[in-house]
Amino acid sequence: MGKKQAKGRCGGGGRSGGAAKSAAGGGRSGGGGGGAAVGAKAAELIAQAEALTEQAMVVPGAAGGALELYQRVLELEPSNTSVMDAAAVLLLEAGEAEAAAHLLVRSVELAPAEGSIKYMYLGQLQDGQEAVVAYERGIEVLGHERAAAAAGGGAPGAAERLRDIDVQLCRGCCSIAEALLVMGGDESAVWAQCEQALGAAQGHSPTSPEPYQGLANLYVSQGRGEEGIAALRRCAELTDPLESPYEFRIHTGKLFMELGQWPEAVAQFESLLQERDDDVELLYLLGIAQGLNADNKEAHDALVRAQELLEQLGEAADHTGALSAQVQAALEELEGLGGLDD
């Protein structure tokens, strides 16, 4: 499969800590010796790993500690696919795509009808038709999970579980559309399949911003600018910063730029800057959007700040040097226009 980074804005990317905990909560277990004693020890380790996973966003080393605990569980229960899935999510977050893929493929081999999350993450690690097939299989498993949750009727948490599954179904459909859009081939057929997938996504979760961003992507590809703008504005209206991943919201800003909506791009990037004022790429994008919006002084300030951060962070922020070159070129172009001291 090769060493790849997980991709995707709609297919489950983003908050992998919660995904890891969710993955550990279901699926096939067992496979070790020692009966009840082994099971009890494994359950104890899983509980500790889930607690660390919850802290992963704020406590340095928590994710690594959780991963070590999951690996200990797999020594006790080598066929515990839910733990494989949870460990794979943490490996992906750590950039270990190849190791994650190995666990996900093994989980599919052992329990192909259980645990939709593994298919969603496999789709992010694959390209073209392979990715589409993985997402479709994940949606199929999610459908079974939804039917089981619906059969629970008024059981505690059933309604919340159904809403969560509907959101996952929506994201899976969006991911199919995204994978199709980059596949190429017969444009008319691909575009029709994309629209069908995004329509299904809207049906699963009508208030999700993700299908609207997907439609904006599609309309940009088709040259349908006005429809793209309308879809993207609806995406922005529905986006909750507490729910939508940072990368998803950055892409919304990029699409506003691509569609020539400079003020909305500036507003999108400025809101993100409140969360991460040390993101060099964000500062660069903000500077470009401000320049296109004729806010040259503000653009210059953003690009100077980006350049200062690049000097401070070095390769950690720009290991290829490409971003530094882009920031420098944008600064030179702005300074050549003059009027920055007014």
Foldseek 3Di string as FASTA:
>chain_A
DDQDAFDAQLLPPFLLLVVLLVLLPDDDWAAADDPPVLVVLLVVLNVQLNVLSVCPVPDPPSLVSSLVSLVVNCVRIVLGLSSLQSNLSSCSVVSNNVSSLVSLVSSCVRCVLDDLSSLSRVLRVDAAPSSLVSLVSSLVSLVVVLVVLVVVPPPPCSVVVNLVSLSNLLSSLLSNLVRLVPRDDDLVVSLVSSVVSLVVSCVSPVLALSSLCSVLVSCLVVVVLVSSVVSLVSSVVSDDPVPRHLVSLLVSLVSCVSSVNLVVSLVSLVVSCVVPVLQLVSLQSNLVSCVSVVVLLSSLVSLVSSLVSCVVCPCVRPVPCPSVVSSVVSNVVSVVVDPNVD
